[in-house]
Amino acid sequence: MLMNDVRQLLPIGSVVKLKGAEKCLMTFGVRQTDVKSGKEYDYIGVMYPEGNLGEDLRFMFDHEDISEIIYKGYESDELTAFLEKLNNFFANKEDA
Protein backbone atom coordinates (compact mmCIF):
# COMPACT_ATOMS: atom_id res chain seq x y z
CA MET A 1 0.00 0.00 0.00
CA LEU A 2 1.34 3.41 -0.97
CA MET A 3 2.43 5.81 1.73
CA ASN A 4 -0.32 8.42 2.18
CA ASP A 5 1.96 11.41 2.83
CA VAL A 6 4.56 11.45 0.05
CA ARG A 7 6.45 14.15 1.96
CA GLN A 8 7.58 11.34 4.28
CA LEU A 9 9.20 9.27 1.51
CA LEU A 10 12.87 8.45 1.95
CA PRO A 11 15.33 10.36 -0.23
CA ILE A 12 16.95 8.60 -3.17
CA GLY A 13 20.20 6.94 -2.18
CA SER A 14 18.65 5.51 0.97
CA VAL A 15 19.70 1.95 1.77
CA VAL A 16 17.00 -0.29 3.21
CA LYS A 17 16.35 -3.91 4.05
CA LEU A 18 12.97 -5.32 3.13
CA LYS A 19 11.02 -7.74 5.30
CA GLY A 20 12.30 -11.28 4.66
CA ALA A 21 15.17 -10.11 2.43
CA GLU A 22 18.83 -11.07 2.70
CA LYS A 23 20.22 -8.22 0.58
CA CYS A 24 19.84 -4.49 1.05
CA LEU A 25 18.40 -2.23 -1.63
CA MET A 26 19.36 1.34 -2.51
CA THR A 27 16.50 3.56 -3.65
CA PHE A 28 16.93 5.47 -6.88
CA GLY A 29 13.38 6.68 -7.43
CA VAL A 30 10.15 7.45 -5.61
CA ARG A 31 6.50 7.02 -6.62
CA GLN A 32 7.17 4.76 -9.56
CA THR A 33 4.66 2.98 -11.79
CA ASP A 34 5.24 -0.57 -13.00
CA VAL A 35 4.69 -0.30 -16.76
CA LYS A 36 3.56 -3.93 -17.04
CA SER A 37 0.91 -3.91 -14.31
CA GLY A 38 0.18 -0.18 -13.99
CA LYS A 39 0.59 -0.51 -10.20
CA GLU A 40 2.19 2.38 -8.34
CA TYR A 41 4.89 1.87 -5.73
CA ASP A 42 6.59 4.16 -3.22
CA TYR A 43 10.12 3.25 -4.34
CA ILE A 44 12.29 1.60 -6.93
CA GLY A 45 15.65 0.22 -5.86
CA VAL A 46 18.65 -1.81 -6.86
CA MET A 47 20.75 -4.25 -4.87
CA TYR A 48 23.34 -2.71 -2.60
CA PRO A 49 26.31 -2.56 -3.05
CA GLU A 50 26.07 -3.89 -6.61
CA GLY A 51 23.90 -1.12 -8.02
CA ASN A 52 22.13 -1.28 -11.37
CA LEU A 53 22.61 -4.70 -12.98
CA GLY A 54 19.77 -4.33 -15.47
CA GLU A 55 15.99 -4.07 -15.60
CA ASP A 56 15.46 -7.59 -14.23
CA LEU A 57 17.25 -6.63 -11.02
CA ARG A 58 15.31 -3.46 -10.21
CA PHE A 59 12.77 -3.84 -7.44
CA MET A 60 9.63 -1.82 -6.74
CA PHE A 61 8.32 -1.75 -3.19
CA ASP A 62 6.27 0.24 -0.73
CA HIS A 63 7.37 1.90 2.48
CA GLU A 64 5.50 -0.70 4.55
CA ASP A 65 7.74 -3.42 3.05
CA ILE A 66 10.82 -1.94 4.74
CA SER A 67 12.01 -3.70 7.88
CA GLU A 68 15.07 -1.51 8.49
CA ILE A 69 16.49 1.77 7.22
CA ILE A 70 20.24 1.20 7.03
CA TYR A 71 21.14 4.62 5.63
CA LYS A 72 18.97 7.65 4.89
CA GLY A 73 19.95 9.46 1.68
CA TYR A 74 20.83 13.11 1.24
CA GLU A 75 18.19 15.57 2.40
CA SER A 76 18.06 19.17 1.20
CA ASP A 77 15.74 22.11 0.65
CA GLU A 78 15.49 20.97 -2.97
CA LEU A 79 14.24 17.54 -1.83
CA THR A 80 11.70 19.13 0.51
CA ALA A 81 10.39 21.33 -2.32
CA PHE A 82 10.21 18.33 -4.70
CA LEU A 83 8.27 16.22 -2.21
CA GLU A 84 5.89 19.11 -1.54
CA LYS A 85 5.22 19.46 -5.30
CA LEU A 86 4.74 15.70 -5.56
CA ASN A 87 2.34 15.78 -2.62
CA ASN A 88 0.33 18.58 -4.25
CA PHE A 89 0.24 16.67 -7.55
CA PHE A 90 -1.21 13.56 -5.94
CA ALA A 91 -3.62 15.58 -3.78
CA ASN A 92 -4.97 17.30 -6.92
CA LYS A 93 -5.09 13.98 -8.77
CA GLU A 94 -7.27 12.46 -6.02
CA ASP A 95 -9.59 15.50 -6.02
CA ALA A 96 -10.21 15.21 -9.78
PDB file of N, CA and C in Angstrom:
ATOM      1  N   MET A   1       0.849  -1.184   0.000  1.00  0.00           N
ATOM      2  CA  MET A   1       0.000   0.000   0.000  1.00  0.00           C
ATOM      3  C   MET A   1       0.890   1.240   0.000  1.00  0.00           C
ATOM      4  N   LEU A   2       0.565   2.184  -0.855  1.00  0.00           N
ATOM      5  CA  LEU A   2       1.336   3.414  -0.970  1.00  0.00           C
ATOM      6  C   LEU A   2       1.273   4.230   0.317  1.00  0.00           C
ATOM      7  N   MET A   3       2.377   4.906   0.586  1.00  0.00           N
ATOM      8  CA  MET A   3       2.428   5.811   1.726  1.00  0.00           C
ATOM      9  C   MET A   3       1.501   6.989   1.436  1.00  0.00           C
ATOM     10  N   ASN A   4       0.648   7.343   2.383  1.00  0.00           N
ATOM     11  CA  ASN A   4      -0.320   8.421   2.182  1.00  0.00           C
ATOM     12  C   ASN A   4       0.337   9.784   2.022  1.00  0.00           C
ATOM     13  N   ASP A   5       1.310  10.096   2.861  1.00  0.00           N
ATOM     14  CA  ASP A   5       1.961  11.407   2.826  1.00  0.00           C
ATOM     15  C   ASP A   5       3.300  11.275   2.109  1.00  0.00           C
ATOM     16  N   VAL A   6       3.334  11.619   0.823  1.00  0.00           N
ATOM     17  CA  VAL A   6       4.561  11.449   0.046  1.00  0.00           C
ATOM     18  C   VAL A   6       5.701  12.309   0.573  1.00  0.00           C
ATOM     19  N   ARG A   7       5.393  13.319   1.382  1.00  0.00           N
ATOM     20  CA  ARG A   7       6.452  14.154   1.963  1.00  0.00           C
ATOM     21  C   ARG A   7       7.309  13.362   2.944  1.00  0.00           C
ATOM     22  N   GLN A   8       6.840  12.180   3.344  1.00  0.00           N
ATOM     23  CA  GLN A   8       7.583  11.338   4.284  1.00  0.00           C
ATOM     24  C   GLN A   8       8.431  10.268   3.583  1.00  0.00           C
ATOM     25  N   LEU A   9       8.411  10.254   2.247  1.00  0.00           N
ATOM     26  CA  LEU A   9       9.200   9.270   1.512  1.00  0.00           C
ATOM     27  C   LEU A   9      10.689   9.475   1.771  1.00  0.00           C
ATOM     28  N   LEU A  10      11.425   8.378   1.775  1.00  0.00           N
ATOM     29  CA  LEU A  10      12.869   8.447   1.953  1.00  0.00           C
ATOM     30  C   LEU A  10      13.518   9.088   0.728  1.00  0.00           C
ATOM     31  N   PRO A  11      14.627   9.795   0.917  1.00  0.00           N
ATOM     32  CA  PRO A  11      15.328  10.362  -0.234  1.00  0.00           C
ATOM     33  C   PRO A  11      16.003   9.264  -1.059  1.00  0.00           C
ATOM     34  N   ILE A  12      16.217   9.557  -2.350  1.00  0.00           N
ATOM     35  CA  ILE A  12      16.946   8.598  -3.165  1.00  0.00           C
ATOM     36  C   ILE A  12      18.345   8.424  -2.560  1.00  0.00           C
ATOM     37  N   GLY A  13      18.912   7.253  -2.778  1.00  0.00           N
ATOM     38  CA  GLY A  13      20.201   6.943  -2.183  1.00  0.00           C
ATOM     39  C   GLY A  13      20.077   6.283  -0.825  1.00  0.00           C
ATOM     40  N   SER A  14      18.852   6.186  -0.306  1.00  0.00           N
ATOM     41  CA  SER A  14      18.654   5.510   0.975  1.00  0.00           C
ATOM     42  C   SER A  14      18.872   4.016   0.787  1.00  0.00           C
ATOM     43  N   VAL A  15      19.461   3.389   1.793  1.00  0.00           N
ATOM     44  CA  VAL A  15      19.704   1.948   1.766  1.00  0.00           C
ATOM     45  C   VAL A  15      18.786   1.314   2.804  1.00  0.00           C
ATOM     46  N   VAL A  16      17.997   0.338   2.344  1.00  0.00           N
ATOM     47  CA  VAL A  16      17.002  -0.292   3.212  1.00  0.00           C
ATOM     48  C   VAL A  16      17.079  -1.806   3.106  1.00  0.00           C
ATOM     49  N   LYS A  17      16.537  -2.465   4.100  1.00  0.00           N
ATOM     50  CA  LYS A  17      16.355  -3.910   4.050  1.00  0.00           C
ATOM     51  C   LYS A  17      14.857  -4.157   4.099  1.00  0.00           C
ATOM     52  N   LEU A  18      14.381  -4.995   3.172  1.00  0.00           N
ATOM     53  CA  LEU A  18      12.966  -5.323   3.134  1.00  0.00           C
ATOM     54  C   LEU A  18      12.673  -6.511   4.030  1.00  0.00           C
ATOM     55  N   LYS A  19      11.452  -6.617   4.469  1.00  0.00           N
ATOM     56  CA  LYS A  19      11.018  -7.738   5.295  1.00  0.00           C
ATOM     57  C   LYS A  19      11.312  -9.044   4.560  1.00  0.00           C
ATOM     58  N   GLY A  20      11.995  -9.968   5.222  1.00  0.00           N
ATOM     59  CA  GLY A  20      12.297 -11.276   4.657  1.00  0.00           C
ATOM     60  C   GLY A  20      13.437 -11.295   3.655  1.00  0.00           C
ATOM     61  N   ALA A  21      14.099 -10.176   3.429  1.00  0.00           N
ATOM     62  CA  ALA A  21      15.173 -10.105   2.435  1.00  0.00           C
ATOM     63  C   ALA A  21      16.538 -10.362   3.068  1.00  0.00           C
ATOM     64  N   GLU A  22      17.445 -10.880   2.261  1.00  0.00           N
ATOM     65  CA  GLU A  22      18.833 -11.073   2.700  1.00  0.00           C
ATOM     66  C   GLU A  22      19.702  -9.900   2.287  1.00  0.00           C
ATOM     67  N   LYS A  23      19.428  -9.316   1.118  1.00  0.00           N
ATOM     68  CA  LYS A  23      20.225  -8.216   0.576  1.00  0.00           C
ATOM     69  C   LYS A  23      19.544  -6.886   0.840  1.00  0.00           C
ATOM     70  N   CYS A  24      20.355  -5.851   0.942  1.00  0.00           N
ATOM     71  CA  CYS A  24      19.838  -4.492   1.052  1.00  0.00           C
ATOM     72  C   CYS A  24      19.566  -3.942  -0.342  1.00  0.00           C
ATOM     73  N   LEU A  25      18.691  -2.945  -0.402  1.00  0.00           N
ATOM     74  CA  LEU A  25      18.403  -2.226  -1.630  1.00  0.00           C
ATOM     75  C   LEU A  25      18.717  -0.754  -1.429  1.00  0.00           C
ATOM     76  N   MET A  26      19.154  -0.096  -2.511  1.00  0.00           N
ATOM     77  CA  MET A  26      19.361   1.342  -2.509  1.00  0.00           C
ATOM     78  C   MET A  26      18.296   1.955  -3.401  1.00  0.00           C
ATOM     79  N   THR A  27      17.550   2.912  -2.867  1.00  0.00           N
ATOM     80  CA  THR A  27      16.498   3.555  -3.650  1.00  0.00           C
ATOM     81  C   THR A  27      17.110   4.492  -4.689  1.00  0.00           C
ATOM     82  N   PHE A  28      16.500   4.499  -5.884  1.00  0.00           N
ATOM     83  CA  PHE A  28      16.929   5.469  -6.883  1.00  0.00           C
ATOM     84  C   PHE A  28      15.739   6.188  -7.515  1.00  0.00           C
ATOM     85  N   GLY A  29      14.564   5.972  -6.959  1.00  0.00           N
ATOM     86  CA  GLY A  29      13.385   6.683  -7.428  1.00  0.00           C
ATOM     87  C   GLY A  29      12.240   6.526  -6.456  1.00  0.00           C
ATOM     88  N   VAL A  30      11.343   7.498  -6.465  1.00  0.00           N
ATOM     89  CA  VAL A  30      10.151   7.449  -5.610  1.00  0.00           C
ATOM     90  C   VAL A  30       8.911   7.553  -6.478  1.00  0.00           C
ATOM     91  N   ARG A  31       7.803   7.025  -5.954  1.00  0.00           N
ATOM     92  CA  ARG A  31       6.503   7.025  -6.616  1.00  0.00           C
ATOM     93  C   ARG A  31       6.625   6.598  -8.080  1.00  0.00           C
ATOM     94  N   GLN A  32       6.964   5.352  -8.249  1.00  0.00           N
ATOM     95  CA  GLN A  32       7.173   4.758  -9.564  1.00  0.00           C
ATOM     96  C   GLN A  32       5.975   3.901  -9.961  1.00  0.00           C
ATOM     97  N   THR A  33       5.734   3.810 -11.263  1.00  0.00           N
ATOM     98  CA  THR A  33       4.659   2.977 -11.788  1.00  0.00           C
ATOM     99  C   THR A  33       5.253   1.825 -12.578  1.00  0.00           C
ATOM    100  N   ASP A  34       4.823   0.613 -12.259  1.00  0.00           N
ATOM    101  CA  ASP A  34       5.237  -0.572 -12.999  1.00  0.00           C
ATOM    102  C   ASP A  34       4.529  -0.526 -14.352  1.00  0.00           C
ATOM    103  N   VAL A  35       5.299  -0.448 -15.439  1.00  0.00           N
ATOM    104  CA  VAL A  35       4.690  -0.297 -16.760  1.00  0.00           C
ATOM    105  C   VAL A  35       3.903  -1.530 -17.178  1.00  0.00           C
ATOM    106  N   LYS A  36       4.265  -2.699 -16.679  1.00  0.00           N
ATOM    107  CA  LYS A  36       3.557  -3.934 -17.045  1.00  0.00           C
ATOM    108  C   LYS A  36       2.191  -4.031 -16.363  1.00  0.00           C
ATOM    109  N   SER A  37       2.158  -3.746 -15.063  1.00  0.00           N
ATOM    110  CA  SER A  37       0.913  -3.915 -14.311  1.00  0.00           C
ATOM    111  C   SER A  37       0.128  -2.614 -14.117  1.00  0.00           C
ATOM    112  N   GLY A  38       0.819  -1.475 -14.243  1.00  0.00           N
ATOM    113  CA  GLY A  38       0.185  -0.184 -13.987  1.00  0.00           C
ATOM    114  C   GLY A  38       0.108   0.154 -12.509  1.00  0.00           C
ATOM    115  N   LYS A  39       0.622  -0.737 -11.649  1.00  0.00           N
ATOM    116  CA  LYS A  39       0.585  -0.513 -10.199  1.00  0.00           C
ATOM    117  C   LYS A  39       1.645   0.513  -9.795  1.00  0.00           C
ATOM    118  N   GLU A  40       1.262   1.380  -8.861  1.00  0.00           N
ATOM    119  CA  GLU A  40       2.190   2.384  -8.340  1.00  0.00           C
ATOM    120  C   GLU A  40       2.847   1.875  -7.064  1.00  0.00           C
ATOM    121  N   TYR A  41       4.108   2.236  -6.906  1.00  0.00           N
ATOM    122  CA  TYR A  41       4.887   1.868  -5.732  1.00  0.00           C
ATOM    123  C   TYR A  41       5.541   3.119  -5.150  1.00  0.00           C
ATOM    124  N   ASP A  42       5.895   3.047  -3.868  1.00  0.00           N
ATOM    125  CA  ASP A  42       6.589   4.158  -3.218  1.00  0.00           C
ATOM    126  C   ASP A  42       8.013   4.322  -3.739  1.00  0.00           C
ATOM    127  N   TYR A  43       8.696   3.201  -3.996  1.00  0.00           N
ATOM    128  CA  TYR A  43      10.121   3.246  -4.339  1.00  0.00           C
ATOM    129  C   TYR A  43      10.480   2.270  -5.447  1.00  0.00           C
ATOM    130  N   ILE A  44      11.614   2.560  -6.077  1.00  0.00           N
ATOM    131  CA  ILE A  44      12.293   1.597  -6.930  1.00  0.00           C
ATOM    132  C   ILE A  44      13.739   1.566  -6.443  1.00  0.00           C
ATOM    133  N   GLY A  45      14.293   0.359  -6.379  1.00  0.00           N
ATOM    134  CA  GLY A  45      15.646   0.224  -5.863  1.00  0.00           C
ATOM    135  C   GLY A  45      16.441  -0.842  -6.588  1.00  0.00           C
ATOM    136  N   VAL A  46      17.723  -0.822  -6.325  1.00  0.00           N
ATOM    137  CA  VAL A  46      18.655  -1.811  -6.858  1.00  0.00           C
ATOM    138  C   VAL A  46      19.429  -2.409  -5.694  1.00  0.00           C
ATOM    139  N   MET A  47      20.002  -3.588  -5.935  1.00  0.00           N
ATOM    140  CA  MET A  47      20.751  -4.252  -4.867  1.00  0.00           C
ATOM    141  C   MET A  47      21.953  -3.401  -4.445  1.00  0.00           C
ATOM    142  N   TYR A  48      22.197  -3.413  -3.165  1.00  0.00           N
ATOM    143  CA  TYR A  48      23.338  -2.705  -2.601  1.00  0.00           C
ATOM    144  C   TYR A  48      24.328  -3.747  -2.102  1.00  0.00           C
ATOM    145  N   PRO A  49      25.590  -3.676  -2.437  1.00  0.00           N
ATOM    146  CA  PRO A  49      26.310  -2.559  -3.052  1.00  0.00           C
ATOM    147  C   PRO A  49      26.464  -2.663  -4.564  1.00  0.00           C
ATOM    148  N   GLU A  50      25.850  -3.642  -5.190  1.00  0.00           N
ATOM    149  CA  GLU A  50      26.070  -3.892  -6.611  1.00  0.00           C
ATOM    150  C   GLU A  50      25.589  -2.767  -7.515  1.00  0.00           C
ATOM    151  N   GLY A  51      24.447  -2.169  -7.180  1.00  0.00           N
ATOM    152  CA  GLY A  51      23.899  -1.118  -8.021  1.00  0.00           C
ATOM    153  C   GLY A  51      23.097  -1.683  -9.180  1.00  0.00           C
ATOM    154  N   ASN A  52      22.965  -0.917 -10.233  1.00  0.00           N
ATOM    155  CA  ASN A  52      22.127  -1.281 -11.369  1.00  0.00           C
ATOM    156  C   ASN A  52      22.776  -2.391 -12.188  1.00  0.00           C
ATOM    157  N   LEU A  53      22.141  -3.556 -12.198  1.00  0.00           N
ATOM    158  CA  LEU A  53      22.611  -4.696 -12.979  1.00  0.00           C
ATOM    159  C   LEU A  53      21.641  -5.032 -14.105  1.00  0.00           C
ATOM    160  N   GLY A  54      20.718  -4.126 -14.403  1.00  0.00           N
ATOM    161  CA  GLY A  54      19.766  -4.328 -15.474  1.00  0.00           C
ATOM    162  C   GLY A  54      18.335  -4.299 -14.979  1.00  0.00           C
ATOM    163  N   GLU A  55      17.405  -4.210 -15.931  1.00  0.00           N
ATOM    164  CA  GLU A  55      15.987  -4.073 -15.597  1.00  0.00           C
ATOM    165  C   GLU A  55      15.443  -5.227 -14.768  1.00  0.00           C
ATOM    166  N   ASP A  56      15.960  -6.427 -14.966  1.00  0.00           N
ATOM    167  CA  ASP A  56      15.458  -7.586 -14.230  1.00  0.00           C
ATOM    168  C   ASP A  56      15.851  -7.563 -12.755  1.00  0.00           C
ATOM    169  N   LEU A  57      16.796  -6.702 -12.398  1.00  0.00           N
ATOM    170  CA  LEU A  57      17.247  -6.626 -11.015  1.00  0.00           C
ATOM    171  C   LEU A  57      16.972  -5.256 -10.406  1.00  0.00           C
ATOM    172  N   ARG A  58      15.852  -4.677 -10.822  1.00  0.00           N
ATOM    173  CA  ARG A  58      15.313  -3.457 -10.206  1.00  0.00           C
ATOM    174  C   ARG A  58      14.047  -3.878  -9.485  1.00  0.00           C
ATOM    175  N   PHE A  59      13.858  -3.370  -8.280  1.00  0.00           N
ATOM    176  CA  PHE A  59      12.766  -3.837  -7.436  1.00  0.00           C
ATOM    177  C   PHE A  59      11.890  -2.668  -7.015  1.00  0.00           C
ATOM    178  N   MET A  60      10.589  -2.821  -7.199  1.00  0.00           N
ATOM    179  CA  MET A  60       9.631  -1.817  -6.743  1.00  0.00           C
ATOM    180  C   MET A  60       9.013  -2.302  -5.439  1.00  0.00           C
ATOM    181  N   PHE A  61       8.850  -1.373  -4.503  1.00  0.00           N
ATOM    182  CA  PHE A  61       8.325  -1.749  -3.194  1.00  0.00           C
ATOM    183  C   PHE A  61       7.709  -0.535  -2.522  1.00  0.00           C
ATOM    184  N   ASP A  62       6.917  -0.811  -1.504  1.00  0.00           N
ATOM    185  CA  ASP A  62       6.273   0.241  -0.726  1.00  0.00           C
ATOM    186  C   ASP A  62       6.974   0.430   0.615  1.00  0.00           C
ATOM    187  N   HIS A  63       6.725   1.572   1.216  1.00  0.00           N
ATOM    188  CA  HIS A  63       7.373   1.902   2.485  1.00  0.00           C
ATOM    189  C   HIS A  63       7.086   0.833   3.551  1.00  0.00           C
ATOM    190  N   GLU A  64       5.882   0.302   3.541  1.00  0.00           N
ATOM    191  CA  GLU A  64       5.501  -0.697   4.553  1.00  0.00           C
ATOM    192  C   GLU A  64       6.283  -2.004   4.406  1.00  0.00           C
ATOM    193  N   ASP A  65       6.943  -2.214   3.262  1.00  0.00           N
ATOM    194  CA  ASP A  65       7.740  -3.419   3.046  1.00  0.00           C
ATOM    195  C   ASP A  65       9.113  -3.336   3.701  1.00  0.00           C
ATOM    196  N   ILE A  66       9.500  -2.153   4.154  1.00  0.00           N
ATOM    197  CA  ILE A  66      10.824  -1.939   4.736  1.00  0.00           C
ATOM    198  C   ILE A  66      10.847  -2.426   6.182  1.00  0.00           C
ATOM    199  N   SER A  67      11.848  -3.256   6.498  1.00  0.00           N
ATOM    200  CA  SER A  67      12.006  -3.697   7.882  1.00  0.00           C
ATOM    201  C   SER A  67      13.045  -2.853   8.615  1.00  0.00           C
ATOM    202  N   GLU A  68      14.005  -2.283   7.855  1.00  0.00           N
ATOM    203  CA  GLU A  68      15.070  -1.507   8.494  1.00  0.00           C
ATOM    204  C   GLU A  68      15.617  -0.479   7.514  1.00  0.00           C
ATOM    205  N   ILE A  69      15.812   0.734   8.011  1.00  0.00           N
ATOM    206  CA  ILE A  69      16.486   1.773   7.225  1.00  0.00           C
ATOM    207  C   ILE A  69      17.945   1.744   7.652  1.00  0.00           C
ATOM    208  N   ILE A  70      18.814   1.318   6.739  1.00  0.00           N
ATOM    209  CA  ILE A  70      20.239   1.199   7.028  1.00  0.00           C
ATOM    210  C   ILE A  70      20.915   2.561   6.917  1.00  0.00           C
ATOM    211  N   TYR A  71      20.551   3.308   5.882  1.00  0.00           N
ATOM    212  CA  TYR A  71      21.141   4.622   5.626  1.00  0.00           C
ATOM    213  C   TYR A  71      20.091   5.506   4.971  1.00  0.00           C
ATOM    214  N   LYS A  72      19.924   6.698   5.481  1.00  0.00           N
ATOM    215  CA  LYS A  72      18.973   7.648   4.891  1.00  0.00           C
ATOM    216  C   LYS A  72      19.738   8.577   3.960  1.00  0.00           C
ATOM    217  N   GLY A  73      19.288   8.662   2.708  1.00  0.00           N
ATOM    218  CA  GLY A  73      19.949   9.464   1.680  1.00  0.00           C
ATOM    219  C   GLY A  73      19.973  10.951   1.989  1.00  0.00           C
ATOM    220  N   TYR A  74      20.600  11.675   1.108  1.00  0.00           N
ATOM    221  CA  TYR A  74      20.825  13.109   1.237  1.00  0.00           C
ATOM    222  C   TYR A  74      19.510  13.881   1.262  1.00  0.00           C
ATOM    223  N   GLU A  75      19.368  14.722   2.269  1.00  0.00           N
ATOM    224  CA  GLU A  75      18.188  15.574   2.399  1.00  0.00           C
ATOM    225  C   GLU A  75      18.599  17.022   2.188  1.00  0.00           C
ATOM    226  N   SER A  76      17.755  17.777   1.496  1.00  0.00           N
ATOM    227  CA  SER A  76      18.062  19.175   1.198  1.00  0.00           C
ATOM    228  C   SER A  76      16.763  19.961   1.044  1.00  0.00           C
ATOM    229  N   ASP A  77      16.907  21.263   0.916  1.00  0.00           N
ATOM    230  CA  ASP A  77      15.741  22.111   0.647  1.00  0.00           C
ATOM    231  C   ASP A  77      15.126  21.742  -0.698  1.00  0.00           C
ATOM    232  N   GLU A  78      15.970  21.367  -1.646  1.00  0.00           N
ATOM    233  CA  GLU A  78      15.491  20.966  -2.970  1.00  0.00           C
ATOM    234  C   GLU A  78      14.620  19.712  -2.873  1.00  0.00           C
ATOM    235  N   LEU A  79      15.036  18.749  -2.047  1.00  0.00           N
ATOM    236  CA  LEU A  79      14.241  17.540  -1.830  1.00  0.00           C
ATOM    237  C   LEU A  79      12.906  17.897  -1.182  1.00  0.00           C
ATOM    238  N   THR A  80      12.924  18.721  -0.174  1.00  0.00           N
ATOM    239  CA  THR A  80      11.702  19.133   0.511  1.00  0.00           C
ATOM    240  C   THR A  80      10.728  19.784  -0.468  1.00  0.00           C
ATOM    241  N   ALA A  81      11.242  20.660  -1.332  1.00  0.00           N
ATOM    242  CA  ALA A  81      10.393  21.332  -2.324  1.00  0.00           C
ATOM    243  C   ALA A  81       9.831  20.325  -3.325  1.00  0.00           C
ATOM    244  N   PHE A  82      10.659  19.364  -3.758  1.00  0.00           N
ATOM    245  CA  PHE A  82      10.207  18.334  -4.698  1.00  0.00           C
ATOM    246  C   PHE A  82       9.094  17.498  -4.085  1.00  0.00           C
ATOM    247  N   LEU A  83       9.284  17.056  -2.854  1.00  0.00           N
ATOM    248  CA  LEU A  83       8.270  16.218  -2.208  1.00  0.00           C
ATOM    249  C   LEU A  83       6.978  16.988  -1.968  1.00  0.00           C
ATOM    250  N   GLU A  84       7.087  18.279  -1.708  1.00  0.00           N
ATOM    251  CA  GLU A  84       5.891  19.114  -1.538  1.00  0.00           C
ATOM    252  C   GLU A  84       5.128  19.214  -2.864  1.00  0.00           C
ATOM    253  N   LYS A  85       5.854  19.412  -3.971  1.00  0.00           N
ATOM    254  CA  LYS A  85       5.218  19.459  -5.297  1.00  0.00           C
ATOM    255  C   LYS A  85       4.575  18.118  -5.629  1.00  0.00           C
ATOM    256  N   LEU A  86       5.277  17.036  -5.306  1.00  0.00           N
ATOM    257  CA  LEU A  86       4.741  15.702  -5.559  1.00  0.00           C
ATOM    258  C   LEU A  86       3.483  15.468  -4.732  1.00  0.00           C
ATOM    259  N   ASN A  87       3.509  15.902  -3.483  1.00  0.00           N
ATOM    260  CA  ASN A  87       2.343  15.776  -2.616  1.00  0.00           C
ATOM    261  C   ASN A  87       1.158  16.551  -3.196  1.00  0.00           C
ATOM    262  N   ASN A  88       1.392  17.770  -3.658  1.00  0.00           N
ATOM    263  CA  ASN A  88       0.328  18.579  -4.246  1.00  0.00           C
ATOM    264  C   ASN A  88      -0.219  17.930  -5.517  1.00  0.00           C
ATOM    265  N   PHE A  89       0.664  17.357  -6.327  1.00  0.00           N
ATOM    266  CA  PHE A  89       0.236  16.673  -7.551  1.00  0.00           C
ATOM    267  C   PHE A  89      -0.731  15.542  -7.225  1.00  0.00           C
ATOM    268  N   PHE A  90      -0.349  14.687  -6.272  1.00  0.00           N
ATOM    269  CA  PHE A  90      -1.205  13.557  -5.936  1.00  0.00           C
ATOM    270  C   PHE A  90      -2.469  13.991  -5.222  1.00  0.00           C
ATOM    271  N   ALA A  91      -2.419  15.060  -4.438  1.00  0.00           N
ATOM    272  CA  ALA A  91      -3.622  15.579  -3.781  1.00  0.00           C
ATOM    273  C   ALA A  91      -4.611  16.086  -4.824  1.00  0.00           C
ATOM    274  N   ASN A  92      -4.111  16.788  -5.849  1.00  0.00           N
ATOM    275  CA  ASN A  92      -4.973  17.300  -6.915  1.00  0.00           C
ATOM    276  C   ASN A  92      -5.497  16.161  -7.784  1.00  0.00           C
ATOM    277  N   LYS A  93      -4.692  15.140  -7.978  1.00  0.00           N
ATOM    278  CA  LYS A  93      -5.092  13.976  -8.773  1.00  0.00           C
ATOM    279  C   LYS A  93      -6.266  13.253  -8.101  1.00  0.00           C
ATOM    280  N   GLU A  94      -6.206  13.151  -6.771  1.00  0.00           N
ATOM    281  CA  GLU A  94      -7.269  12.465  -6.016  1.00  0.00           C
ATOM    282  C   GLU A  94      -8.545  13.283  -5.991  1.00  0.00           C
ATOM    283  N   ASP A  95      -8.417  14.622  -6.047  1.00  0.00           N
ATOM    284  CA  ASP A  95      -9.588  15.504  -6.023  1.00  0.00           C
ATOM    285  C   ASP A  95     -10.326  15.508  -7.371  1.00  0.00           C
ATOM    286  N   ALA A  96      -9.599  15.150  -8.432  1.00  0.00           N
ATOM    287  CA  ALA A  96     -10.206  15.208  -9.782  1.00  0.00           C
ATOM    288  C   ALA A  96     -11.183  14.085 -10.026  1.00  0.00           C
TER     289      ALA A  96
END
